[in-house]
Amino acid sequence: MEPSDRLFVAVPAPPSVISSAESWVLRLKDRFSFAKWVHPQDLHLTLQFLGDVARDRTERIAQAIAQAVKDTAPFSLHFQGLGVFGKPNAPSVLWAGVQGEVEKLGQLQRRIVDAMEPLGFAAENCPYKPHLTLARKFTGPAGSHAAMLDVALPDEWQTPWRVEETVLYRSRLGRRPMYERVASLPLG
């Protein structure tokens, strides 16, 4: 069996968010019950999940991403507000919303998807909804998560930051942090 890695393409969270995430999340953990909180080093905005990929294809994928983003100018984003995915009484994901030049993020995502299609990676059937996943699998009493949606994000999360790269990540299941950079591909 050929060695493979679980790969995805993403925009990494900025250093200001990563450095403040641990202390902020520790305060949230005491108030809101989720089975799994994302490690600060793993915070990112997914552009496309590729799945299990033979390792000998990784270089070609990185080259295709580099080609797709070379004419994309850096742009600004910031985080604002919390939301959830899943059942209203038992959400599966807690996330931070993305604001700023979101249309440029959508264009970047489409460029990645278009570049991956000739390599055999199909686009998802649902519209792209950028978000920063913070936690998964709510374990508290039904409906008790509603209060978390009123929690303010740290100031540095709401400060605009420049998206200047995309990253091809490898998942290392069972490790923390779980995601490892395979290739960093600058915009523009």
C-alpha atoms as a PDB file:
ATOM      1  CA  MET A   1       0.000   0.000   0.000  1.00  0.00           C
ATOM      2  CA  GLU A   2       1.362   3.380  -1.046  1.00  0.00           C
ATOM      3  CA  PRO A   3       1.977   5.900   1.795  1.00  0.00           C
ATOM      4  CA  SER A   4      -0.581   8.691   1.899  1.00  0.00           C
ATOM      5  CA  ASP A   5      -1.424  11.816   3.874  1.00  0.00           C
ATOM      6  CA  ARG A   6      -4.711  13.537   4.621  1.00  0.00           C
ATOM      7  CA  LEU A   7      -4.285  16.960   2.996  1.00  0.00           C
ATOM      8  CA  PHE A   8      -6.147  20.260   2.831  1.00  0.00           C
ATOM      9  CA  VAL A   9      -5.475  23.800   1.605  1.00  0.00           C
ATOM     10  CA  ALA A  10      -6.074  26.722   3.961  1.00  0.00           C
ATOM     11  CA  VAL A  11      -5.241  30.249   5.026  1.00  0.00           C
ATOM     12  CA  PRO A  12      -3.516  30.114   8.432  1.00  0.00           C
ATOM     13  CA  ALA A  13      -4.826  32.321  11.227  1.00  0.00           C
ATOM     14  CA  PRO A  14      -2.551  35.312  11.873  1.00  0.00           C
ATOM     15  CA  PRO A  15       0.016  35.230  14.694  1.00  0.00           C
ATOM     16  CA  SER A  16      -2.031  37.753  16.740  1.00  0.00           C
ATOM     17  CA  VAL A  17      -4.977  35.342  16.846  1.00  0.00           C
ATOM     18  CA  ILE A  18      -2.827  32.287  17.539  1.00  0.00           C
ATOM     19  CA  SER A  19      -0.969  33.984  20.417  1.00  0.00           C
ATOM     20  CA  SER A  20      -4.174  35.081  22.162  1.00  0.00           C
ATOM     21  CA  ALA A  21      -6.242  31.976  21.409  1.00  0.00           C
ATOM     22  CA  GLU A  22      -4.959  29.773  24.209  1.00  0.00           C
ATOM     23  CA  SER A  23      -5.841  32.112  27.094  1.00  0.00           C
ATOM     24  CA  TRP A  24      -9.167  33.133  25.522  1.00  0.00           C
ATOM     25  CA  VAL A  25     -10.201  29.532  24.832  1.00  0.00           C
ATOM     26  CA  LEU A  26      -9.261  28.506  28.391  1.00  0.00           C
ATOM     27  CA  ARG A  27     -11.857  30.989  29.666  1.00  0.00           C
ATOM     28  CA  LEU A  28     -14.457  29.621  27.242  1.00  0.00           C
ATOM     29  CA  LYS A  29     -13.743  25.991  28.180  1.00  0.00           C
ATOM     30  CA  ASP A  30     -14.814  26.727  31.731  1.00  0.00           C
ATOM     31  CA  ARG A  31     -18.178  28.061  30.541  1.00  0.00           C
ATOM     32  CA  PHE A  32     -19.081  25.967  27.478  1.00  0.00           C
ATOM     33  CA  SER A  33     -18.888  22.198  27.095  1.00  0.00           C
ATOM     34  CA  PHE A  34     -17.364  20.921  23.862  1.00  0.00           C
ATOM     35  CA  ALA A  35     -15.612  17.577  23.523  1.00  0.00           C
ATOM     36  CA  LYS A  36     -12.758  18.983  21.439  1.00  0.00           C
ATOM     37  CA  TRP A  37     -11.248  22.473  21.286  1.00  0.00           C
ATOM     38  CA  VAL A  38      -8.958  23.338  18.376  1.00  0.00           C
ATOM     39  CA  HIS A  39      -5.293  23.798  19.276  1.00  0.00           C
ATOM     40  CA  PRO A  40      -4.250  27.458  18.691  1.00  0.00           C
ATOM     41  CA  GLN A  41      -1.563  26.397  16.182  1.00  0.00           C
ATOM     42  CA  ASP A  42      -4.264  24.593  14.159  1.00  0.00           C
ATOM     43  CA  LEU A  43      -6.522  27.622  13.597  1.00  0.00           C
ATOM     44  CA  HIS A  44      -7.118  28.222   9.876  1.00  0.00           C
ATOM     45  CA  LEU A  45      -9.663  29.062   7.177  1.00  0.00           C
ATOM     46  CA  THR A  46     -10.126  25.979   5.007  1.00  0.00           C
ATOM     47  CA  LEU A  47     -10.117  26.585   1.259  1.00  0.00           C
ATOM     48  CA  GLN A  48     -10.406  22.955   0.112  1.00  0.00           C
ATOM     49  CA  PHE A  49     -10.217  19.551   1.785  1.00  0.00           C
ATOM     50  CA  LEU A  50      -8.373  17.063  -0.442  1.00  0.00           C
ATOM     51  CA  GLY A  51      -8.611  13.890   1.666  1.00  0.00           C
ATOM     52  CA  ASP A  52      -6.180  10.977   1.660  1.00  0.00           C
ATOM     53  CA  VAL A  53      -3.582  11.583  -1.051  1.00  0.00           C
ATOM     54  CA  ALA A  54      -0.606   9.469  -2.125  1.00  0.00           C
ATOM     55  CA  ARG A  55       2.588  11.200  -0.978  1.00  0.00           C
ATOM     56  CA  ASP A  56       4.095  11.123  -4.458  1.00  0.00           C
ATOM     57  CA  ARG A  57       1.349  13.571  -5.572  1.00  0.00           C
ATOM     58  CA  THR A  58       2.101  16.206  -2.923  1.00  0.00           C
ATOM     59  CA  GLU A  59       4.688  18.152  -4.944  1.00  0.00           C
ATOM     60  CA  ARG A  60       2.376  18.400  -7.980  1.00  0.00           C
ATOM     61  CA  ILE A  61      -0.447  19.648  -5.748  1.00  0.00           C
ATOM     62  CA  ALA A  62       1.812  22.305  -4.197  1.00  0.00           C
ATOM     63  CA  GLN A  63       2.911  23.438  -7.674  1.00  0.00           C
ATOM     64  CA  ALA A  64      -0.708  23.747  -8.820  1.00  0.00           C
ATOM     65  CA  ILE A  65      -1.588  25.813  -5.749  1.00  0.00           C
ATOM     66  CA  ALA A  66       1.440  28.080  -6.287  1.00  0.00           C
ATOM     67  CA  GLN A  67       0.368  28.647  -9.888  1.00  0.00           C
ATOM     68  CA  ALA A  68      -3.234  29.358  -8.835  1.00  0.00           C
ATOM     69  CA  VAL A  69      -2.317  31.999  -6.231  1.00  0.00           C
ATOM     70  CA  LYS A  70       0.607  33.736  -7.956  1.00  0.00           C
ATOM     71  CA  ASP A  71      -1.615  36.481  -9.433  1.00  0.00           C
ATOM     72  CA  THR A  72      -3.752  36.941  -6.313  1.00  0.00           C
ATOM     73  CA  ALA A  73      -2.929  40.110  -4.405  1.00  0.00           C
ATOM     74  CA  PRO A  74      -2.866  39.996  -0.593  1.00  0.00           C
ATOM     75  CA  PHE A  75      -6.082  41.160   1.067  1.00  0.00           C
ATOM     76  CA  SER A  76      -7.455  41.963   4.538  1.00  0.00           C
ATOM     77  CA  LEU A  77      -9.732  39.989   6.840  1.00  0.00           C
ATOM     78  CA  HIS A  78     -10.778  40.081  10.486  1.00  0.00           C
ATOM     79  CA  PHE A  79     -12.917  37.903  12.728  1.00  0.00           C
ATOM     80  CA  GLN A  80     -16.244  38.969  14.137  1.00  0.00           C
ATOM     81  CA  GLY A  81     -18.885  37.129  16.103  1.00  0.00           C
ATOM     82  CA  LEU A  82     -19.436  33.521  17.043  1.00  0.00           C
ATOM     83  CA  GLY A  83     -21.769  31.012  15.415  1.00  0.00           C
ATOM     84  CA  VAL A  84     -22.573  27.322  15.385  1.00  0.00           C
ATOM     85  CA  PHE A  85     -23.241  24.576  12.855  1.00  0.00           C
ATOM     86  CA  GLY A  86     -25.436  21.593  13.539  1.00  0.00           C
ATOM     87  CA  LYS A  87     -28.604  20.948  15.492  1.00  0.00           C
ATOM     88  CA  PRO A  88     -29.936  24.014  17.315  1.00  0.00           C
ATOM     89  CA  ASN A  89     -29.953  22.255  20.712  1.00  0.00           C
ATOM     90  CA  ALA A  90     -26.664  20.378  20.247  1.00  0.00           C
ATOM     91  CA  PRO A  91     -24.298  22.140  17.835  1.00  0.00           C
ATOM     92  CA  SER A  92     -21.494  20.194  16.216  1.00  0.00           C
ATOM     93  CA  VAL A  93     -19.138  23.155  15.625  1.00  0.00           C
ATOM     94  CA  LEU A  94     -18.449  26.504  17.331  1.00  0.00           C
ATOM     95  CA  TRP A  95     -16.856  29.005  14.961  1.00  0.00           C
ATOM     96  CA  ALA A  96     -15.747  32.631  14.599  1.00  0.00           C
ATOM     97  CA  GLY A  97     -17.103  34.566  11.627  1.00  0.00           C
ATOM     98  CA  VAL A  98     -14.954  36.163   8.937  1.00  0.00           C
ATOM     99  CA  GLN A  99     -15.335  39.790   7.821  1.00  0.00           C
ATOM    100  CA  GLY A 100     -13.383  42.174   5.608  1.00  0.00           C
ATOM    101  CA  GLU A 101     -12.503  41.425   1.994  1.00  0.00           C
ATOM    102  CA  VAL A 102     -14.484  38.188   2.089  1.00  0.00           C
ATOM    103  CA  GLU A 103     -15.225  38.344  -1.643  1.00  0.00           C
ATOM    104  CA  LYS A 104     -11.460  38.132  -2.301  1.00  0.00           C
ATOM    105  CA  LEU A 105     -11.264  35.131   0.021  1.00  0.00           C
ATOM    106  CA  GLY A 106     -14.065  33.541  -2.026  1.00  0.00           C
ATOM    107  CA  GLN A 107     -12.162  34.250  -5.249  1.00  0.00           C
ATOM    108  CA  LEU A 108      -9.036  32.658  -3.745  1.00  0.00           C
ATOM    109  CA  GLN A 109     -11.058  29.601  -2.735  1.00  0.00           C
ATOM    110  CA  ARG A 110     -12.455  29.256  -6.269  1.00  0.00           C
ATOM    111  CA  ARG A 111      -8.942  29.505  -7.739  1.00  0.00           C
ATOM    112  CA  ILE A 112      -7.790  26.682  -5.483  1.00  0.00           C
ATOM    113  CA  VAL A 113     -10.808  24.518  -6.350  1.00  0.00           C
ATOM    114  CA  ASP A 114     -10.284  25.168 -10.077  1.00  0.00           C
ATOM    115  CA  ALA A 115      -6.585  24.258  -9.780  1.00  0.00           C
ATOM    116  CA  MET A 116      -7.334  21.029  -7.925  1.00  0.00           C
ATOM    117  CA  GLU A 117     -10.050  19.799 -10.284  1.00  0.00           C
ATOM    118  CA  PRO A 118      -7.648  18.652 -13.075  1.00  0.00           C
ATOM    119  CA  LEU A 119      -5.758  16.712 -10.402  1.00  0.00           C
ATOM    120  CA  GLY A 120      -8.898  14.741  -9.532  1.00  0.00           C
ATOM    121  CA  PHE A 121     -10.213  16.702  -6.535  1.00  0.00           C
ATOM    122  CA  ALA A 122     -13.873  17.599  -6.910  1.00  0.00           C
ATOM    123  CA  ALA A 123     -15.419  20.755  -5.488  1.00  0.00           C
ATOM    124  CA  GLU A 124     -17.838  20.345  -2.590  1.00  0.00           C
ATOM    125  CA  ASN A 125     -21.531  20.499  -3.459  1.00  0.00           C
ATOM    126  CA  CYS A 126     -22.295  23.194  -0.886  1.00  0.00           C
ATOM    127  CA  PRO A 127     -21.507  26.920  -1.072  1.00  0.00           C
ATOM    128  CA  TYR A 128     -18.267  28.106   0.525  1.00  0.00           C
ATOM    129  CA  LYS A 129     -18.852  29.506   4.030  1.00  0.00           C
ATOM    130  CA  PRO A 130     -15.554  30.722   5.479  1.00  0.00           C
ATOM    131  CA  HIS A 131     -15.217  30.356   9.254  1.00  0.00           C
ATOM    132  CA  LEU A 132     -12.617  29.717  11.930  1.00  0.00           C
ATOM    133  CA  THR A 133     -13.487  26.465  13.729  1.00  0.00           C
ATOM    134  CA  LEU A 134     -12.906  26.776  17.488  1.00  0.00           C
ATOM    135  CA  ALA A 135     -14.543  23.670  18.980  1.00  0.00           C
ATOM    136  CA  ARG A 136     -16.442  20.515  18.031  1.00  0.00           C
ATOM    137  CA  LYS A 137     -19.150  18.283  19.567  1.00  0.00           C
ATOM    138  CA  PHE A 138     -21.137  20.237  22.131  1.00  0.00           C
ATOM    139  CA  THR A 139     -21.627  18.126  25.266  1.00  0.00           C
ATOM    140  CA  GLY A 140     -23.576  20.497  27.512  1.00  0.00           C
ATOM    141  CA  PRO A 141     -27.291  20.500  28.285  1.00  0.00           C
ATOM    142  CA  ALA A 142     -29.558  20.986  25.253  1.00  0.00           C
ATOM    143  CA  GLY A 143     -29.891  24.641  24.323  1.00  0.00           C
ATOM    144  CA  SER A 144     -27.329  25.858  26.876  1.00  0.00           C
ATOM    145  CA  HIS A 145     -24.926  26.913  24.108  1.00  0.00           C
ATOM    146  CA  ALA A 146     -26.970  30.018  23.198  1.00  0.00           C
ATOM    147  CA  ALA A 147     -25.125  32.200  25.725  1.00  0.00           C
ATOM    148  CA  MET A 148     -21.810  31.577  23.988  1.00  0.00           C
ATOM    149  CA  LEU A 149     -22.963  33.376  20.858  1.00  0.00           C
ATOM    150  CA  ASP A 150     -22.937  36.642  22.846  1.00  0.00           C
ATOM    151  CA  VAL A 151     -19.287  36.243  23.906  1.00  0.00           C
ATOM    152  CA  ALA A 152     -17.075  38.956  22.433  1.00  0.00           C
ATOM    153  CA  LEU A 153     -13.979  37.989  20.506  1.00  0.00           C
ATOM    154  CA  PRO A 154     -10.658  39.378  21.751  1.00  0.00           C
ATOM    155  CA  ASP A 155      -9.807  42.801  20.314  1.00  0.00           C
ATOM    156  CA  GLU A 156      -6.826  41.461  18.339  1.00  0.00           C
ATOM    157  CA  TRP A 157      -9.141  39.030  16.520  1.00  0.00           C
ATOM    158  CA  GLN A 158     -11.237  41.948  15.305  1.00  0.00           C
ATOM    159  CA  THR A 159      -8.208  43.879  14.022  1.00  0.00           C
ATOM    160  CA  PRO A 160      -7.710  43.531  10.244  1.00  0.00           C
ATOM    161  CA  TRP A 161      -4.806  41.345   9.123  1.00  0.00           C
ATOM    162  CA  ARG A 162      -3.277  40.628   5.716  1.00  0.00           C
ATOM    163  CA  VAL A 163      -3.772  37.295   3.999  1.00  0.00           C
ATOM    164  CA  GLU A 164      -0.432  36.786   2.271  1.00  0.00           C
ATOM    165  CA  GLU A 165      -0.204  33.013   1.844  1.00  0.00           C
ATOM    166  CA  THR A 166      -2.024  29.762   1.435  1.00  0.00           C
ATOM    167  CA  VAL A 167      -0.762  26.589   3.066  1.00  0.00           C
ATOM    168  CA  LEU A 168      -0.972  22.943   2.093  1.00  0.00           C
ATOM    169  CA  TYR A 169      -1.462  21.112   5.397  1.00  0.00           C
ATOM    170  CA  ARG A 170      -1.118  17.474   6.436  1.00  0.00           C
ATOM    171  CA  SER A 171      -3.313  16.094   9.246  1.00  0.00           C
ATOM    172  CA  ARG A 172      -1.543  14.089  11.918  1.00  0.00           C
ATOM    173  CA  LEU A 173      -4.444  12.420  13.674  1.00  0.00           C
ATOM    174  CA  GLY A 174      -4.046  11.990  17.408  1.00  0.00           C
ATOM    175  CA  ARG A 175      -1.380  14.713  17.757  1.00  0.00           C
ATOM    176  CA  ARG A 176      -1.598  18.257  19.110  1.00  0.00           C
ATOM    177  CA  PRO A 177      -1.156  20.415  17.202  1.00  0.00           C
ATOM    178  CA  MET A 178      -2.711  18.179  14.579  1.00  0.00           C
ATOM    179  CA  TYR A 179      -1.859  20.053  11.372  1.00  0.00           C
ATOM    180  CA  GLU A 180       1.594  20.280   9.823  1.00  0.00           C
ATOM    181  CA  ARG A 181       2.650  22.617   7.027  1.00  0.00           C
ATOM    182  CA  VAL A 182       3.677  20.745   3.894  1.00  0.00           C
ATOM    183  CA  ALA A 183       4.104  23.846   1.719  1.00  0.00           C
ATOM    184  CA  SER A 184       3.597  27.580   2.188  1.00  0.00           C
ATOM    185  CA  LEU A 185       2.548  29.310  -1.025  1.00  0.00           C
ATOM    186  CA  PRO A 186       2.644  33.119  -1.087  1.00  0.00           C
ATOM    187  CA  LEU A 187       0.004  35.232  -2.783  1.00  0.00           C
ATOM    188  CA  GLY A 188       1.060  37.609  -5.552  1.00  0.00           C
END
